[in-house]
Amino acid sequence: MPTTPTPVRGHIDVQTRSEQTGQRENPDLREENALPVEKVMLRGVEIPLERTGNDSKGYFKNVIPRLLEILTDKEIADLKNSEFCKDVFSSSYPLLVERMIRDKNNHPRSWTRPISGYYIYSQWTKTNLEKWKQYLLRLAEKG
């Protein structure tokens, strides 16, 4: 019977929330504002559930190589599928692509340097990131 994954706590990573935006920021040693970085064990690999501050690029640069080692071929194919990403993350584009993503006005929608051989969707909003977190929790629950 599947169990709800327990986020990993008790590690050194600490962040704070901005009083103005509610976003996580760089480490702050004021104890009353310190928040642990939530992580989950996914198939034996510890995966952070959230980015630090607004650093989506650094977060995905850290997480994507780990995920590619443990995801099934179907799960990787899902992350390359624009319909799947639209349904699951409310994203206009797939998470993983083999060529840089550009919109109809030729503006980049992925980072310019590939991560583990893939260009990564770069337009992450608070809503997308919350759905990403739920996706990771569902994967961990599934095992």
N, C-alpha and C. Protein backbone atom coordinates (compact mmCIF):
# COMPACT_ATOMS: atom_id res chain seq x y z
N MET A 1 0.84 -1.17 0.00
CA MET A 1 0.00 0.00 0.00
C MET A 1 0.89 1.24 0.00
N PRO A 2 0.65 2.20 -0.95
CA PRO A 2 1.50 3.39 -1.02
C PRO A 2 1.33 4.27 0.21
N THR A 3 2.42 4.89 0.60
CA THR A 3 2.39 5.82 1.72
C THR A 3 2.74 7.21 1.22
N THR A 4 2.32 8.19 1.94
CA THR A 4 2.65 9.56 1.58
C THR A 4 4.12 9.80 1.87
N PRO A 5 4.88 10.31 0.87
CA PRO A 5 6.30 10.55 1.10
C PRO A 5 6.52 11.60 2.18
N THR A 6 7.53 11.40 2.95
CA THR A 6 7.87 12.34 4.01
C THR A 6 9.02 13.21 3.53
N PRO A 7 8.83 14.54 3.50
CA PRO A 7 9.95 15.40 3.12
C PRO A 7 11.12 15.20 4.09
N VAL A 8 12.31 15.23 3.55
CA VAL A 8 13.51 15.08 4.35
C VAL A 8 13.78 16.39 5.08
N ARG A 9 13.97 16.32 6.37
CA ARG A 9 14.27 17.50 7.17
C ARG A 9 15.53 17.22 7.99
N GLY A 10 15.99 18.21 8.71
CA GLY A 10 17.13 18.01 9.58
C GLY A 10 18.45 18.14 8.84
N HIS A 11 18.46 18.84 7.75
CA HIS A 11 19.71 19.08 7.04
C HIS A 11 20.12 20.53 7.25
N ILE A 12 21.21 20.94 6.70
CA ILE A 12 21.78 22.24 6.98
C ILE A 12 21.13 23.36 6.15
N ASP A 13 20.57 23.04 4.98
CA ASP A 13 20.02 24.07 4.11
C ASP A 13 18.91 24.84 4.82
N VAL A 14 19.04 26.15 4.80
CA VAL A 14 18.05 27.02 5.43
C VAL A 14 17.75 28.17 4.48
N GLN A 15 16.47 28.56 4.42
CA GLN A 15 16.07 29.69 3.59
C GLN A 15 15.11 30.56 4.37
N THR A 16 14.80 31.72 3.83
CA THR A 16 13.81 32.60 4.43
C THR A 16 12.79 32.99 3.38
N ARG A 17 11.65 33.47 3.83
CA ARG A 17 10.63 34.00 2.92
C ARG A 17 10.69 35.52 2.97
N SER A 18 10.65 36.12 1.80
CA SER A 18 10.58 37.57 1.71
C SER A 18 9.24 38.03 2.26
N GLU A 19 9.26 39.05 3.10
CA GLU A 19 8.02 39.59 3.64
C GLU A 19 7.19 40.24 2.54
N GLN A 20 7.84 40.75 1.50
CA GLN A 20 7.12 41.43 0.42
C GLN A 20 6.52 40.45 -0.58
N THR A 21 7.28 39.44 -1.00
CA THR A 21 6.82 38.57 -2.08
C THR A 21 6.40 37.18 -1.62
N GLY A 22 6.83 36.76 -0.45
CA GLY A 22 6.55 35.40 -0.01
C GLY A 22 7.48 34.38 -0.62
N GLN A 23 8.38 34.81 -1.52
CA GLN A 23 9.32 33.92 -2.18
C GLN A 23 10.46 33.56 -1.23
N ARG A 24 11.01 32.37 -1.41
CA ARG A 24 12.19 31.99 -0.64
C ARG A 24 13.37 32.81 -1.13
N GLU A 25 14.25 33.15 -0.19
CA GLU A 25 15.42 33.95 -0.51
C GLU A 25 16.68 33.23 -0.05
N ASN A 26 17.81 33.89 -0.25
CA ASN A 26 19.08 33.33 0.19
C ASN A 26 19.08 33.10 1.70
N PRO A 27 19.98 32.26 2.18
CA PRO A 27 20.00 31.96 3.60
C PRO A 27 20.06 33.20 4.47
N ASP A 28 19.35 33.14 5.57
CA ASP A 28 19.29 34.23 6.54
C ASP A 28 19.42 33.56 7.91
N LEU A 29 20.33 34.02 8.69
CA LEU A 29 20.59 33.36 9.95
C LEU A 29 19.63 33.75 11.07
N ARG A 30 18.69 34.65 10.80
CA ARG A 30 17.70 34.99 11.82
C ARG A 30 16.78 33.80 12.02
N GLU A 31 16.86 33.17 13.14
CA GLU A 31 16.16 31.93 13.43
C GLU A 31 14.65 32.02 13.20
N GLU A 32 14.04 33.15 13.54
CA GLU A 32 12.59 33.25 13.42
C GLU A 32 12.12 33.21 11.97
N ASN A 33 13.00 33.51 11.00
CA ASN A 33 12.64 33.49 9.59
C ASN A 33 13.15 32.25 8.85
N ALA A 34 13.96 31.44 9.49
CA ALA A 34 14.59 30.31 8.81
C ALA A 34 13.58 29.21 8.48
N LEU A 35 13.65 28.72 7.25
CA LEU A 35 12.79 27.63 6.79
C LEU A 35 13.66 26.53 6.21
N PRO A 36 13.40 25.28 6.53
CA PRO A 36 14.17 24.20 5.92
C PRO A 36 13.80 24.06 4.45
N VAL A 37 14.74 23.66 3.64
CA VAL A 37 14.47 23.35 2.24
C VAL A 37 13.82 21.97 2.23
N GLU A 38 12.60 21.90 1.71
CA GLU A 38 11.91 20.61 1.67
C GLU A 38 12.55 19.73 0.62
N LYS A 39 12.75 18.48 0.98
CA LYS A 39 13.30 17.49 0.05
C LYS A 39 12.48 16.22 0.20
N VAL A 40 12.56 15.37 -0.80
CA VAL A 40 11.86 14.10 -0.77
C VAL A 40 12.80 13.02 -1.29
N MET A 41 12.67 11.82 -0.75
CA MET A 41 13.43 10.69 -1.28
C MET A 41 12.65 10.10 -2.43
N LEU A 42 13.25 10.08 -3.59
CA LEU A 42 12.61 9.55 -4.80
C LEU A 42 13.49 8.44 -5.34
N ARG A 43 13.03 7.21 -5.16
CA ARG A 43 13.77 6.03 -5.64
C ARG A 43 15.21 6.03 -5.15
N GLY A 44 15.36 6.39 -3.88
CA GLY A 44 16.67 6.35 -3.24
C GLY A 44 17.52 7.59 -3.44
N VAL A 45 17.00 8.60 -4.11
CA VAL A 45 17.75 9.83 -4.38
C VAL A 45 17.01 10.99 -3.73
N GLU A 46 17.75 11.82 -2.98
CA GLU A 46 17.16 12.97 -2.33
C GLU A 46 16.99 14.11 -3.34
N ILE A 47 15.75 14.56 -3.50
CA ILE A 47 15.43 15.60 -4.49
C ILE A 47 14.82 16.80 -3.76
N PRO A 48 15.40 18.00 -3.94
CA PRO A 48 14.78 19.20 -3.37
C PRO A 48 13.44 19.46 -4.07
N LEU A 49 12.44 19.85 -3.30
CA LEU A 49 11.13 20.11 -3.86
C LEU A 49 10.95 21.55 -4.31
N GLU A 50 11.84 22.44 -3.87
CA GLU A 50 11.68 23.86 -4.17
C GLU A 50 13.02 24.46 -4.54
N ARG A 51 12.94 25.55 -5.28
CA ARG A 51 14.14 26.30 -5.64
C ARG A 51 14.52 27.23 -4.50
N THR A 52 15.71 27.80 -4.57
CA THR A 52 16.17 28.79 -3.61
C THR A 52 15.88 30.16 -4.21
N GLY A 53 15.09 30.96 -3.53
CA GLY A 53 14.73 32.29 -4.04
C GLY A 53 14.09 32.18 -5.41
N ASN A 54 14.60 32.93 -6.35
CA ASN A 54 14.08 32.89 -7.72
C ASN A 54 15.01 32.13 -8.65
N ASP A 55 15.88 31.30 -8.11
CA ASP A 55 16.90 30.62 -8.92
C ASP A 55 16.38 29.31 -9.51
N SER A 56 15.48 29.42 -10.45
CA SER A 56 14.96 28.21 -11.11
C SER A 56 16.06 27.51 -11.90
N LYS A 57 16.90 28.26 -12.57
CA LYS A 57 17.96 27.66 -13.39
C LYS A 57 18.90 26.82 -12.53
N GLY A 58 19.35 27.37 -11.40
CA GLY A 58 20.23 26.61 -10.51
C GLY A 58 19.53 25.38 -9.96
N TYR A 59 18.25 25.53 -9.63
CA TYR A 59 17.48 24.40 -9.11
C TYR A 59 17.42 23.27 -10.14
N PHE A 60 17.02 23.59 -11.37
CA PHE A 60 16.88 22.55 -12.38
C PHE A 60 18.23 22.00 -12.83
N LYS A 61 19.27 22.83 -12.78
CA LYS A 61 20.62 22.35 -13.09
C LYS A 61 21.05 21.28 -12.09
N ASN A 62 20.59 21.40 -10.86
CA ASN A 62 20.86 20.44 -9.81
C ASN A 62 19.96 19.20 -9.92
N VAL A 63 18.68 19.42 -10.19
CA VAL A 63 17.69 18.36 -10.11
C VAL A 63 17.59 17.49 -11.37
N ILE A 64 17.66 18.10 -12.55
CA ILE A 64 17.44 17.34 -13.80
C ILE A 64 18.42 16.17 -13.95
N PRO A 65 19.73 16.36 -13.74
CA PRO A 65 20.63 15.20 -13.87
C PRO A 65 20.26 14.05 -12.91
N ARG A 66 19.86 14.39 -11.70
CA ARG A 66 19.45 13.37 -10.72
C ARG A 66 18.21 12.62 -11.21
N LEU A 67 17.24 13.40 -11.69
CA LEU A 67 15.99 12.78 -12.15
C LEU A 67 16.21 11.89 -13.37
N LEU A 68 17.04 12.33 -14.29
CA LEU A 68 17.27 11.54 -15.50
C LEU A 68 17.89 10.18 -15.18
N GLU A 69 18.59 10.09 -14.05
CA GLU A 69 19.17 8.82 -13.63
C GLU A 69 18.13 7.84 -13.09
N ILE A 70 17.01 8.35 -12.58
CA ILE A 70 16.06 7.48 -11.89
C ILE A 70 14.68 7.39 -12.56
N LEU A 71 14.37 8.31 -13.48
CA LEU A 71 13.07 8.25 -14.14
C LEU A 71 13.04 7.15 -15.19
N THR A 72 11.86 6.60 -15.40
CA THR A 72 11.68 5.59 -16.45
C THR A 72 11.69 6.29 -17.80
N ASP A 73 11.83 5.51 -18.88
CA ASP A 73 11.79 6.09 -20.22
C ASP A 73 10.45 6.78 -20.47
N LYS A 74 9.37 6.21 -19.97
CA LYS A 74 8.04 6.81 -20.14
C LYS A 74 7.95 8.14 -19.41
N GLU A 75 8.49 8.20 -18.20
CA GLU A 75 8.45 9.45 -17.42
C GLU A 75 9.28 10.54 -18.10
N ILE A 76 10.40 10.16 -18.69
CA ILE A 76 11.21 11.14 -19.43
C ILE A 76 10.47 11.58 -20.68
N ALA A 77 9.85 10.64 -21.38
CA ALA A 77 9.05 10.98 -22.57
C ALA A 77 7.91 11.93 -22.21
N ASP A 78 7.29 11.72 -21.04
CA ASP A 78 6.23 12.62 -20.58
C ASP A 78 6.74 14.05 -20.43
N LEU A 79 7.94 14.20 -19.88
CA LEU A 79 8.51 15.54 -19.67
C LEU A 79 8.91 16.21 -20.98
N LYS A 80 8.99 15.44 -22.06
CA LYS A 80 9.27 15.97 -23.40
C LYS A 80 7.98 16.28 -24.15
N ASN A 81 6.85 15.89 -23.59
CA ASN A 81 5.56 15.99 -24.27
C ASN A 81 4.84 17.28 -23.85
N SER A 82 4.53 18.13 -24.83
CA SER A 82 3.92 19.43 -24.51
C SER A 82 2.52 19.27 -23.91
N GLU A 83 1.74 18.30 -24.35
CA GLU A 83 0.39 18.10 -23.78
C GLU A 83 0.48 17.66 -22.32
N PHE A 84 1.40 16.73 -22.03
CA PHE A 84 1.59 16.28 -20.65
C PHE A 84 1.98 17.46 -19.77
N CYS A 85 2.95 18.25 -20.21
CA CYS A 85 3.43 19.39 -19.41
C CYS A 85 2.35 20.46 -19.24
N LYS A 86 1.52 20.63 -20.27
CA LYS A 86 0.42 21.57 -20.16
C LYS A 86 -0.58 21.09 -19.11
N ASP A 87 -0.92 19.80 -19.16
CA ASP A 87 -1.89 19.24 -18.21
C ASP A 87 -1.36 19.20 -16.78
N VAL A 88 -0.10 18.81 -16.62
CA VAL A 88 0.46 18.59 -15.29
C VAL A 88 1.03 19.87 -14.66
N PHE A 89 1.71 20.70 -15.45
CA PHE A 89 2.39 21.87 -14.91
C PHE A 89 1.77 23.20 -15.34
N SER A 90 0.75 23.15 -16.18
CA SER A 90 0.16 24.37 -16.78
C SER A 90 1.23 25.15 -17.56
N SER A 91 2.11 24.42 -18.20
CA SER A 91 3.22 25.00 -18.96
C SER A 91 2.84 25.06 -20.44
N SER A 92 3.27 26.10 -21.10
CA SER A 92 3.00 26.24 -22.53
C SER A 92 3.92 25.38 -23.38
N TYR A 93 4.98 24.86 -22.78
CA TYR A 93 6.00 24.11 -23.52
C TYR A 93 6.41 22.89 -22.71
N PRO A 94 7.05 21.90 -23.36
CA PRO A 94 7.57 20.76 -22.60
C PRO A 94 8.73 21.19 -21.70
N LEU A 95 8.96 20.41 -20.64
CA LEU A 95 10.07 20.70 -19.73
C LEU A 95 11.41 20.41 -20.41
N LEU A 96 11.50 19.27 -21.07
CA LEU A 96 12.75 18.83 -21.71
C LEU A 96 12.60 18.85 -23.22
N VAL A 97 13.54 19.48 -23.91
CA VAL A 97 13.55 19.46 -25.37
C VAL A 97 14.98 19.31 -25.86
N GLU A 98 15.12 18.83 -27.09
CA GLU A 98 16.45 18.62 -27.65
C GLU A 98 16.96 19.83 -28.42
N ARG A 99 16.06 20.78 -28.73
CA ARG A 99 16.44 22.02 -29.37
C ARG A 99 15.88 23.17 -28.55
N MET A 100 16.55 24.28 -28.58
CA MET A 100 16.12 25.43 -27.79
C MET A 100 14.68 25.83 -28.13
N ILE A 101 13.90 26.17 -27.11
CA ILE A 101 12.51 26.57 -27.29
C ILE A 101 12.44 28.07 -27.55
N ARG A 102 11.69 28.44 -28.59
CA ARG A 102 11.44 29.85 -28.88
C ARG A 102 9.95 30.02 -29.12
N ASP A 103 9.41 31.15 -28.67
CA ASP A 103 7.99 31.40 -28.90
C ASP A 103 7.79 31.97 -30.30
N LYS A 104 6.54 32.32 -30.62
CA LYS A 104 6.22 32.81 -31.97
C LYS A 104 6.93 34.12 -32.31
N ASN A 105 7.37 34.86 -31.30
CA ASN A 105 8.11 36.11 -31.52
C ASN A 105 9.62 35.90 -31.46
N ASN A 106 10.03 34.64 -31.46
CA ASN A 106 11.43 34.23 -31.44
C ASN A 106 12.14 34.52 -30.11
N HIS A 107 11.36 34.70 -29.03
CA HIS A 107 11.95 34.87 -27.70
C HIS A 107 12.25 33.50 -27.11
N PRO A 108 13.42 33.33 -26.51
CA PRO A 108 13.75 32.03 -25.91
C PRO A 108 12.83 31.69 -24.75
N ARG A 109 12.38 30.46 -24.68
CA ARG A 109 11.56 29.96 -23.58
C ARG A 109 12.24 28.78 -22.88
N SER A 110 13.52 28.61 -23.22
CA SER A 110 14.35 27.63 -22.51
C SER A 110 15.69 28.30 -22.26
N TRP A 111 16.45 27.74 -21.33
CA TRP A 111 17.78 28.27 -21.09
C TRP A 111 18.67 27.95 -22.28
N THR A 112 19.64 28.80 -22.52
CA THR A 112 20.45 28.71 -23.73
C THR A 112 21.48 27.58 -23.70
N ARG A 113 21.79 27.07 -22.53
CA ARG A 113 22.74 25.96 -22.43
C ARG A 113 22.00 24.71 -21.96
N PRO A 114 22.23 23.60 -22.65
CA PRO A 114 21.55 22.37 -22.24
C PRO A 114 22.05 21.85 -20.89
N ILE A 115 21.19 21.14 -20.21
CA ILE A 115 21.50 20.46 -18.96
C ILE A 115 21.30 18.98 -19.21
N SER A 116 22.35 18.20 -19.06
CA SER A 116 22.30 16.76 -19.31
C SER A 116 21.74 16.45 -20.69
N GLY A 117 22.10 17.27 -21.68
CA GLY A 117 21.71 17.02 -23.06
C GLY A 117 20.35 17.58 -23.47
N TYR A 118 19.66 18.24 -22.55
CA TYR A 118 18.34 18.80 -22.86
C TYR A 118 18.31 20.30 -22.58
N TYR A 119 17.57 20.99 -23.41
CA TYR A 119 17.24 22.37 -23.11
C TYR A 119 16.03 22.33 -22.17
N ILE A 120 16.05 23.16 -21.16
CA ILE A 120 15.04 23.11 -20.11
C ILE A 120 14.15 24.35 -20.20
N TYR A 121 12.85 24.12 -20.14
CA TYR A 121 11.86 25.20 -20.11
C TYR A 121 12.23 26.18 -19.00
N SER A 122 12.18 27.48 -19.30
CA SER A 122 12.70 28.46 -18.35
C SER A 122 11.66 29.41 -17.75
N GLN A 123 10.42 29.32 -18.16
CA GLN A 123 9.42 30.30 -17.75
C GLN A 123 8.61 29.82 -16.55
N TRP A 124 9.27 29.56 -15.44
CA TRP A 124 8.62 29.00 -14.26
C TRP A 124 7.95 30.07 -13.42
N THR A 125 6.67 29.86 -13.12
CA THR A 125 5.91 30.75 -12.25
C THR A 125 5.66 30.04 -10.93
N LYS A 126 5.13 30.76 -9.98
CA LYS A 126 4.79 30.17 -8.69
C LYS A 126 3.82 28.98 -8.88
N THR A 127 2.84 29.14 -9.76
CA THR A 127 1.86 28.08 -10.03
C THR A 127 2.53 26.86 -10.64
N ASN A 128 3.38 27.07 -11.66
CA ASN A 128 4.11 25.95 -12.29
C ASN A 128 4.94 25.20 -11.26
N LEU A 129 5.63 25.96 -10.42
CA LEU A 129 6.53 25.35 -9.43
C LEU A 129 5.76 24.56 -8.38
N GLU A 130 4.60 25.02 -7.99
CA GLU A 130 3.78 24.26 -7.03
C GLU A 130 3.31 22.96 -7.68
N LYS A 131 2.96 23.02 -8.95
CA LYS A 131 2.54 21.80 -9.66
C LYS A 131 3.73 20.85 -9.85
N TRP A 132 4.91 21.40 -10.07
CA TRP A 132 6.13 20.59 -10.17
C TRP A 132 6.36 19.85 -8.85
N LYS A 133 6.22 20.56 -7.74
CA LYS A 133 6.39 19.95 -6.42
C LYS A 133 5.40 18.80 -6.23
N GLN A 134 4.15 19.02 -6.61
CA GLN A 134 3.13 17.96 -6.49
C GLN A 134 3.47 16.77 -7.38
N TYR A 135 4.01 17.04 -8.56
CA TYR A 135 4.45 15.97 -9.48
C TYR A 135 5.53 15.11 -8.81
N LEU A 136 6.53 15.77 -8.22
CA LEU A 136 7.60 15.02 -7.55
C LEU A 136 7.06 14.21 -6.37
N LEU A 137 6.14 14.78 -5.62
CA LEU A 137 5.54 14.04 -4.49
C LEU A 137 4.76 12.82 -4.98
N ARG A 138 4.03 12.97 -6.11
CA ARG A 138 3.30 11.82 -6.67
C ARG A 138 4.27 10.74 -7.14
N LEU A 139 5.38 11.14 -7.76
CA LEU A 139 6.39 10.16 -8.19
C LEU A 139 6.95 9.41 -6.98
N ALA A 140 7.23 10.14 -5.91
CA ALA A 140 7.78 9.51 -4.71
C ALA A 140 6.77 8.55 -4.09
N GLU A 141 5.52 8.93 -4.10
CA GLU A 141 4.46 8.08 -3.55
C GLU A 141 4.32 6.80 -4.37
N LYS A 142 4.44 6.96 -5.70
CA LYS A 142 4.32 5.83 -6.62
C LYS A 142 5.50 4.87 -6.44
N GLY A 143 6.64 5.43 -6.12
CA GLY A 143 7.83 4.59 -5.91
C GLY A 143 8.64 4.32 -7.12
